[in-house]
Amino acid sequence: MTLPQNVESKFRFILVAAKRARQLQAGARSMVQSQSKKPTRVAQQEVEAGLVPIELMEPVTSGDSNSNGKGSKARAAK
């Protein structure tokens, strides 16, 4: 399997295709003409064609509200 240009790993490819396959199963229209009727294969073809947008989320930084070292484990130990 060769990865599309916009996908950096097989793991991300599978995640994106799986999410798109769930959308197809829920009734979304296909964006490609495919010989296959299986949503997983159609989703893979859509990702390979670059038709499915890939959104990268920003990593959580240490400036969040739970970064003070007193997480739920510390509260449970009291």
PDB file of N, CA and C in Angstrom:
ATOM      1  N   MET A   1       0.845  -1.174   0.000  1.00  0.00           N
ATOM      2  CA  MET A   1       0.000   0.000   0.000  1.00  0.00           C
ATOM      3  C   MET A   1       0.888   1.234   0.000  1.00  0.00           C
ATOM      4  N   THR A   2       0.613   2.129  -0.912  1.00  0.00           N
ATOM      5  CA  THR A   2       1.333   3.396  -0.945  1.00  0.00           C
ATOM      6  C   THR A   2       0.451   4.475  -0.336  1.00  0.00           C
ATOM      7  N   LEU A   3       1.060   5.300   0.470  1.00  0.00           N
ATOM      8  CA  LEU A   3       0.320   6.358   1.158  1.00  0.00           C
ATOM      9  C   LEU A   3       0.164   7.585   0.262  1.00  0.00           C
ATOM     10  N   PRO A   4      -0.963   8.255   0.343  1.00  0.00           N
ATOM     11  CA  PRO A   4      -1.136   9.524  -0.380  1.00  0.00           C
ATOM     12  C   PRO A   4      -0.160  10.577   0.144  1.00  0.00           C
ATOM     13  N   GLN A   5       0.060  11.610  -0.634  1.00  0.00           N
ATOM     14  CA  GLN A   5       1.006  12.664  -0.265  1.00  0.00           C
ATOM     15  C   GLN A   5       0.627  13.370   1.038  1.00  0.00           C
ATOM     16  N   ASN A   6      -0.664  13.551   1.281  1.00  0.00           N
ATOM     17  CA  ASN A   6      -1.081  14.338   2.441  1.00  0.00           C
ATOM     18  C   ASN A   6      -1.208  13.520   3.725  1.00  0.00           C
ATOM     19  N   VAL A   7      -0.865  12.228   3.705  1.00  0.00           N
ATOM     20  CA  VAL A   7      -0.965  11.369   4.883  1.00  0.00           C
ATOM     21  C   VAL A   7       0.443  10.913   5.250  1.00  0.00           C
ATOM     22  N   GLU A   8       0.828  11.184   6.507  1.00  0.00           N
ATOM     23  CA  GLU A   8       2.218  10.903   6.898  1.00  0.00           C
ATOM     24  C   GLU A   8       2.448   9.499   7.464  1.00  0.00           C
ATOM     25  N   SER A   9       1.372   8.769   7.815  1.00  0.00           N
ATOM     26  CA  SER A   9       1.572   7.430   8.374  1.00  0.00           C
ATOM     27  C   SER A   9       0.391   6.523   8.042  1.00  0.00           C
ATOM     28  N   LYS A  10       0.637   5.235   8.066  1.00  0.00           N
ATOM     29  CA  LYS A  10      -0.428   4.260   7.827  1.00  0.00           C
ATOM     30  C   LYS A  10      -1.496   4.363   8.911  1.00  0.00           C
ATOM     31  N   PHE A  11      -1.073   4.639  10.125  1.00  0.00           N
ATOM     32  CA  PHE A  11      -2.001   4.761  11.244  1.00  0.00           C
ATOM     33  C   PHE A  11      -3.006   5.886  10.988  1.00  0.00           C
ATOM     34  N   ARG A  12      -2.523   7.049  10.575  1.00  0.00           N
ATOM     35  CA  ARG A  12      -3.409   8.177  10.301  1.00  0.00           C
ATOM     36  C   ARG A  12      -4.319   7.857   9.117  1.00  0.00           C
ATOM     37  N   PHE A  13      -3.789   7.187   8.095  1.00  0.00           N
ATOM     38  CA  PHE A  13      -4.593   6.791   6.937  1.00  0.00           C
ATOM     39  C   PHE A  13      -5.768   5.927   7.371  1.00  0.00           C
ATOM     40  N   ILE A  14      -5.508   4.947   8.235  1.00  0.00           N
ATOM     41  CA  ILE A  14      -6.561   4.049   8.710  1.00  0.00           C
ATOM     42  C   ILE A  14      -7.577   4.808   9.560  1.00  0.00           C
ATOM     43  N   LEU A  15      -7.115   5.707  10.416  1.00  0.00           N
ATOM     44  CA  LEU A  15      -8.037   6.491  11.245  1.00  0.00           C
ATOM     45  C   LEU A  15      -8.966   7.351  10.395  1.00  0.00           C
ATOM     46  N   VAL A  16      -8.408   8.024   9.404  1.00  0.00           N
ATOM     47  CA  VAL A  16      -9.205   8.903   8.550  1.00  0.00           C
ATOM     48  C   VAL A  16     -10.184   8.076   7.718  1.00  0.00           C
ATOM     49  N   ALA A  17      -9.705   6.968   7.144  1.00  0.00           N
ATOM     50  CA  ALA A  17     -10.576   6.121   6.328  1.00  0.00           C
ATOM     51  C   ALA A  17     -11.683   5.497   7.174  1.00  0.00           C
ATOM     52  N   ALA A  18     -11.376   5.107   8.408  1.00  0.00           N
ATOM     53  CA  ALA A  18     -12.392   4.513   9.279  1.00  0.00           C
ATOM     54  C   ALA A  18     -13.475   5.526   9.628  1.00  0.00           C
ATOM     55  N   LYS A  19     -13.073   6.755   9.905  1.00  0.00           N
ATOM     56  CA  LYS A  19     -14.057   7.791  10.216  1.00  0.00           C
ATOM     57  C   LYS A  19     -14.943   8.062   9.002  1.00  0.00           C
ATOM     58  N   ARG A  20     -14.336   8.108   7.823  1.00  0.00           N
ATOM     59  CA  ARG A  20     -15.110   8.336   6.602  1.00  0.00           C
ATOM     60  C   ARG A  20     -16.032   7.146   6.308  1.00  0.00           C
ATOM     61  N   ALA A  21     -15.582   5.926   6.575  1.00  0.00           N
ATOM     62  CA  ALA A  21     -16.409   4.737   6.356  1.00  0.00           C
ATOM     63  C   ALA A  21     -17.643   4.776   7.254  1.00  0.00           C
ATOM     64  N   ARG A  22     -17.495   5.247   8.491  1.00  0.00           N
ATOM     65  CA  ARG A  22     -18.641   5.380   9.382  1.00  0.00           C
ATOM     66  C   ARG A  22     -19.642   6.395   8.831  1.00  0.00           C
ATOM     67  N   GLN A  23     -19.122   7.477   8.239  1.00  0.00           N
ATOM     68  CA  GLN A  23     -20.005   8.467   7.628  1.00  0.00           C
ATOM     69  C   GLN A  23     -20.762   7.854   6.450  1.00  0.00           C
ATOM     70  N   LEU A  24     -20.066   7.057   5.646  1.00  0.00           N
ATOM     71  CA  LEU A  24     -20.715   6.404   4.506  1.00  0.00           C
ATOM     72  C   LEU A  24     -21.788   5.422   4.974  1.00  0.00           C
ATOM     73  N   GLN A  25     -21.506   4.688   6.025  1.00  0.00           N
ATOM     74  CA  GLN A  25     -22.483   3.748   6.556  1.00  0.00           C
ATOM     75  C   GLN A  25     -23.711   4.463   7.105  1.00  0.00           C
ATOM     76  N   ALA A  26     -23.523   5.691   7.579  1.00  0.00           N
ATOM     77  CA  ALA A  26     -24.626   6.468   8.138  1.00  0.00           C
ATOM     78  C   ALA A  26     -25.449   7.158   7.048  1.00  0.00           C
ATOM     79  N   GLY A  27     -25.028   7.012   5.785  1.00  0.00           N
ATOM     80  CA  GLY A  27     -25.825   7.559   4.693  1.00  0.00           C
ATOM     81  C   GLY A  27     -25.175   8.648   3.877  1.00  0.00           C
ATOM     82  N   ALA A  28     -23.933   9.009   4.147  1.00  0.00           N
ATOM     83  CA  ALA A  28     -23.254  10.033   3.357  1.00  0.00           C
ATOM     84  C   ALA A  28     -23.042   9.526   1.933  1.00  0.00           C
ATOM     85  N   ARG A  29     -23.042  10.448   0.999  1.00  0.00           N
ATOM     86  CA  ARG A  29     -22.828  10.082  -0.403  1.00  0.00           C
ATOM     87  C   ARG A  29     -21.340   9.921  -0.692  1.00  0.00           C
ATOM     88  N   SER A  30     -21.039   8.963  -1.547  1.00  0.00           N
ATOM     89  CA  SER A  30     -19.662   8.714  -1.945  1.00  0.00           C
ATOM     90  C   SER A  30     -19.165   9.835  -2.858  1.00  0.00           C
ATOM     91  N   MET A  31     -17.886  10.181  -2.729  1.00  0.00           N
ATOM     92  CA  MET A  31     -17.292  11.223  -3.562  1.00  0.00           C
ATOM     93  C   MET A  31     -16.525  10.655  -4.745  1.00  0.00           C
ATOM     94  N   VAL A  32     -16.466   9.317  -4.871  1.00  0.00           N
ATOM     95  CA  VAL A  32     -15.783   8.660  -5.985  1.00  0.00           C
ATOM     96  C   VAL A  32     -16.690   7.587  -6.576  1.00  0.00           C
ATOM     97  N   GLN A  33     -16.449   7.285  -7.832  1.00  0.00           N
ATOM     98  CA  GLN A  33     -17.102   6.143  -8.455  1.00  0.00           C
ATOM     99  C   GLN A  33     -16.251   4.924  -8.130  1.00  0.00           C
ATOM    100  N   SER A  34     -16.863   3.908  -7.571  1.00  0.00           N
ATOM    101  CA  SER A  34     -16.100   2.745  -7.135  1.00  0.00           C
ATOM    102  C   SER A  34     -16.774   1.461  -7.593  1.00  0.00           C
ATOM    103  N   GLN A  35     -15.964   0.465  -7.874  1.00  0.00           N
ATOM    104  CA  GLN A  35     -16.466  -0.866  -8.197  1.00  0.00           C
ATOM    105  C   GLN A  35     -16.987  -1.546  -6.937  1.00  0.00           C
ATOM    106  N   SER A  36     -16.417  -1.169  -5.799  1.00  0.00           N
ATOM    107  CA  SER A  36     -16.752  -1.805  -4.531  1.00  0.00           C
ATOM    108  C   SER A  36     -17.978  -1.160  -3.896  1.00  0.00           C
ATOM    109  N   LYS A  37     -18.753  -1.964  -3.217  1.00  0.00           N
ATOM    110  CA  LYS A  37     -19.902  -1.475  -2.453  1.00  0.00           C
ATOM    111  C   LYS A  37     -19.588  -1.371  -0.962  1.00  0.00           C
ATOM    112  N   LYS A  38     -18.408  -1.847  -0.576  1.00  0.00           N
ATOM    113  CA  LYS A  38     -18.022  -1.837   0.836  1.00  0.00           C
ATOM    114  C   LYS A  38     -17.594  -0.425   1.260  1.00  0.00           C
ATOM    115  N   PRO A  39     -18.174   0.087   2.327  1.00  0.00           N
ATOM    116  CA  PRO A  39     -17.842   1.450   2.773  1.00  0.00           C
ATOM    117  C   PRO A  39     -16.362   1.624   3.130  1.00  0.00           C
ATOM    118  N   THR A  40     -15.737   0.584   3.664  1.00  0.00           N
ATOM    119  CA  THR A  40     -14.330   0.718   4.042  1.00  0.00           C
ATOM    120  C   THR A  40     -13.445   0.921   2.818  1.00  0.00           C
ATOM    121  N   ARG A  41     -13.713   0.185   1.760  1.00  0.00           N
ATOM    122  CA  ARG A  41     -12.904   0.307   0.543  1.00  0.00           C
ATOM    123  C   ARG A  41     -13.177   1.636  -0.160  1.00  0.00           C
ATOM    124  N   VAL A  42     -14.435   2.052  -0.196  1.00  0.00           N
ATOM    125  CA  VAL A  42     -14.784   3.332  -0.806  1.00  0.00           C
ATOM    126  C   VAL A  42     -14.101   4.466  -0.046  1.00  0.00           C
ATOM    127  N   ALA A  43     -14.104   4.390   1.274  1.00  0.00           N
ATOM    128  CA  ALA A  43     -13.452   5.410   2.102  1.00  0.00           C
ATOM    129  C   ALA A  43     -11.951   5.457   1.826  1.00  0.00           C
ATOM    130  N   GLN A  44     -11.322   4.307   1.684  1.00  0.00           N
ATOM    131  CA  GLN A  44      -9.892   4.269   1.368  1.00  0.00           C
ATOM    132  C   GLN A  44      -9.623   4.941   0.028  1.00  0.00           C
ATOM    133  N   GLN A  45     -10.464   4.679  -0.954  1.00  0.00           N
ATOM    134  CA  GLN A  45     -10.283   5.291  -2.269  1.00  0.00           C
ATOM    135  C   GLN A  45     -10.464   6.806  -2.201  1.00  0.00           C
ATOM    136  N   GLU A  46     -11.402   7.262  -1.389  1.00  0.00           N
ATOM    137  CA  GLU A  46     -11.602   8.702  -1.229  1.00  0.00           C
ATOM    138  C   GLU A  46     -10.394   9.362  -0.579  1.00  0.00           C
ATOM    139  N   VAL A  47      -9.819   8.731   0.434  1.00  0.00           N
ATOM    140  CA  VAL A  47      -8.634   9.283   1.096  1.00  0.00           C
ATOM    141  C   VAL A  47      -7.459   9.283   0.123  1.00  0.00           C
ATOM    142  N   GLU A  48      -7.291   8.197  -0.619  1.00  0.00           N
ATOM    143  CA  GLU A  48      -6.206   8.115  -1.599  1.00  0.00           C
ATOM    144  C   GLU A  48      -6.332   9.195  -2.671  1.00  0.00           C
ATOM    145  N   ALA A  49      -7.573   9.549  -3.026  1.00  0.00           N
ATOM    146  CA  ALA A  49      -7.810  10.578  -4.040  1.00  0.00           C
ATOM    147  C   ALA A  49      -7.651  11.992  -3.475  1.00  0.00           C
ATOM    148  N   GLY A  50      -7.483  12.113  -2.175  1.00  0.00           N
ATOM    149  CA  GLY A  50      -7.315  13.424  -1.552  1.00  0.00           C
ATOM    150  C   GLY A  50      -8.615  14.184  -1.372  1.00  0.00           C
ATOM    151  N   LEU A  51      -9.736  13.480  -1.374  1.00  0.00           N
ATOM    152  CA  LEU A  51     -11.042  14.121  -1.262  1.00  0.00           C
ATOM    153  C   LEU A  51     -11.512  14.280   0.176  1.00  0.00           C
ATOM    154  N   VAL A  52     -10.870  13.595   1.107  1.00  0.00           N
ATOM    155  CA  VAL A  52     -11.265  13.657   2.520  1.00  0.00           C
ATOM    156  C   VAL A  52     -10.282  14.570   3.243  1.00  0.00           C
ATOM    157  N   PRO A  53     -10.766  15.657   3.850  1.00  0.00           N
ATOM    158  CA  PRO A  53      -9.859  16.559   4.563  1.00  0.00           C
ATOM    159  C   PRO A  53      -9.321  15.903   5.832  1.00  0.00           C
ATOM    160  N   ILE A  54      -8.055  16.133   6.086  1.00  0.00           N
ATOM    161  CA  ILE A  54      -7.407  15.588   7.283  1.00  0.00           C
ATOM    162  C   ILE A  54      -7.109  16.753   8.211  1.00  0.00           C
ATOM    163  N   GLU A  55      -7.731  16.732   9.389  1.00  0.00           N
ATOM    164  CA  GLU A  55      -7.550  17.803  10.362  1.00  0.00           C
ATOM    165  C   GLU A  55      -6.635  17.320  11.476  1.00  0.00           C
ATOM    166  N   LEU A  56      -5.556  18.040  11.701  1.00  0.00           N
ATOM    167  CA  LEU A  56      -4.641  17.716  12.780  1.00  0.00           C
ATOM    168  C   LEU A  56      -4.980  18.587  13.976  1.00  0.00           C
ATOM    169  N   MET A  57      -5.079  17.961  15.135  1.00  0.00           N
ATOM    170  CA  MET A  57      -5.395  18.707  16.352  1.00  0.00           C
ATOM    171  C   MET A  57      -4.109  19.175  17.004  1.00  0.00           C
ATOM    172  N   GLU A  58      -4.185  20.312  17.660  1.00  0.00           N
ATOM    173  CA  GLU A  58      -3.035  20.855  18.374  1.00  0.00           C
ATOM    174  C   GLU A  58      -2.783  20.030  19.631  1.00  0.00           C
ATOM    175  N   PRO A  59      -1.510  19.773  19.971  1.00  0.00           N
ATOM    176  CA  PRO A  59      -1.215  19.029  21.196  1.00  0.00           C
ATOM    177  C   PRO A  59      -1.578  19.841  22.429  1.00  0.00           C
ATOM    178  N   VAL A  60      -1.905  19.160  23.499  1.00  0.00           N
ATOM    179  CA  VAL A  60      -2.248  19.813  24.758  1.00  0.00           C
ATOM    180  C   VAL A  60      -0.960  20.336  25.380  1.00  0.00           C
ATOM    181  N   THR A  61      -0.982  21.593  25.788  1.00  0.00           N
ATOM    182  CA  THR A  61       0.207  22.199  26.381  1.00  0.00           C
ATOM    183  C   THR A  61       0.138  22.134  27.903  1.00  0.00           C
ATOM    184  N   SER A  62       1.228  22.446  28.558  1.00  0.00           N
ATOM    185  CA  SER A  62       1.293  22.368  30.014  1.00  0.00           C
ATOM    186  C   SER A  62       0.591  23.544  30.683  1.00  0.00           C
ATOM    187  N   GLY A  63       0.094  24.504  29.955  1.00  0.00           N
ATOM    188  CA  GLY A  63      -0.591  25.656  30.520  1.00  0.00           C
ATOM    189  C   GLY A  63      -2.063  25.414  30.786  1.00  0.00           C
ATOM    190  N   ASP A  64      -2.525  24.175  30.670  1.00  0.00           N
ATOM    191  CA  ASP A  64      -3.929  23.865  30.894  1.00  0.00           C
ATOM    192  C   ASP A  64      -4.269  23.883  32.377  1.00  0.00           C
ATOM    193  N   SER A  65      -5.535  23.825  32.705  1.00  0.00           N
ATOM    194  CA  SER A  65      -6.003  23.963  34.078  1.00  0.00           C
ATOM    195  C   SER A  65      -5.582  22.804  34.980  1.00  0.00           C
ATOM    196  N   ASN A  66      -5.332  21.624  34.442  1.00  0.00           N
ATOM    197  CA  ASN A  66      -4.941  20.487  35.272  1.00  0.00           C
ATOM    198  C   ASN A  66      -3.434  20.300  35.345  1.00  0.00           C
ATOM    199  N   SER A  67      -2.657  21.305  34.996  1.00  0.00           N
ATOM    200  CA  SER A  67      -1.211  21.151  34.983  1.00  0.00           C
ATOM    201  C   SER A  67      -0.561  21.511  36.325  1.00  0.00           C
ATOM    202  N   ASN A  68      -1.339  21.747  37.372  1.00  0.00           N
ATOM    203  CA  ASN A  68      -0.776  22.156  38.645  1.00  0.00           C
ATOM    204  C   ASN A  68      -0.282  20.965  39.478  1.00  0.00           C
ATOM    205  N   GLY A  69      -0.351  19.777  38.917  1.00  0.00           N
ATOM    206  CA  GLY A  69       0.150  18.603  39.640  1.00  0.00           C
ATOM    207  C   GLY A  69      -0.883  17.967  40.533  1.00  0.00           C
ATOM    208  N   LYS A  70      -2.049  18.552  40.673  1.00  0.00           N
ATOM    209  CA  LYS A  70      -3.095  18.012  41.526  1.00  0.00           C
ATOM    210  C   LYS A  70      -4.217  17.460  40.653  1.00  0.00           C
ATOM    211  N   GLY A  71      -3.953  16.353  40.014  1.00  0.00           N
ATOM    212  CA  GLY A  71      -4.934  15.733  39.148  1.00  0.00           C
ATOM    213  C   GLY A  71      -5.948  14.938  39.955  1.00  0.00           C
ATOM    214  N   SER A  72      -6.762  14.167  39.298  1.00  0.00           N
ATOM    215  CA  SER A  72      -7.810  13.407  39.959  1.00  0.00           C
ATOM    216  C   SER A  72      -7.224  12.320  40.891  1.00  0.00           C
ATOM    217  N   LYS A  73      -6.026  11.830  40.585  1.00  0.00           N
ATOM    218  CA  LYS A  73      -5.407  10.823  41.442  1.00  0.00           C
ATOM    219  C   LYS A  73      -5.044  11.426  42.800  1.00  0.00           C
ATOM    220  N   ALA A  74      -4.575  12.685  42.787  1.00  0.00           N
ATOM    221  CA  ALA A  74      -4.200  13.326  44.043  1.00  0.00           C
ATOM    222  C   ALA A  74      -5.432  13.572  44.911  1.00  0.00           C
ATOM    223  N   ARG A  75      -6.554  13.910  44.293  1.00  0.00           N
ATOM    224  CA  ARG A  75      -7.775  14.146  45.038  1.00  0.00           C
ATOM    225  C   ARG A  75      -8.326  12.824  45.602  1.00  0.00           C
ATOM    226  N   ALA A  76      -8.186  11.762  44.872  1.00  0.00           N
ATOM    227  CA  ALA A  76      -8.716  10.477  45.303  1.00  0.00           C
ATOM    228  C   ALA A  76      -7.910   9.922  46.489  1.00  0.00           C
ATOM    229  N   ALA A  77      -6.646  10.304  46.593  1.00  0.00           N
ATOM    230  CA  ALA A  77      -5.785   9.783  47.648  1.00  0.00           C
ATOM    231  C   ALA A  77      -6.056  10.453  48.985  1.00  0.00           C
ATOM    232  N   LYS A  78      -6.706  11.584  49.022  1.00  0.00           N
ATOM    233  CA  LYS A  78      -6.951  12.313  50.281  1.00  0.00           C
ATOM    234  C   LYS A  78      -7.904  11.602  51.174  1.00  0.00           C
TER     235      LYS A  78
END
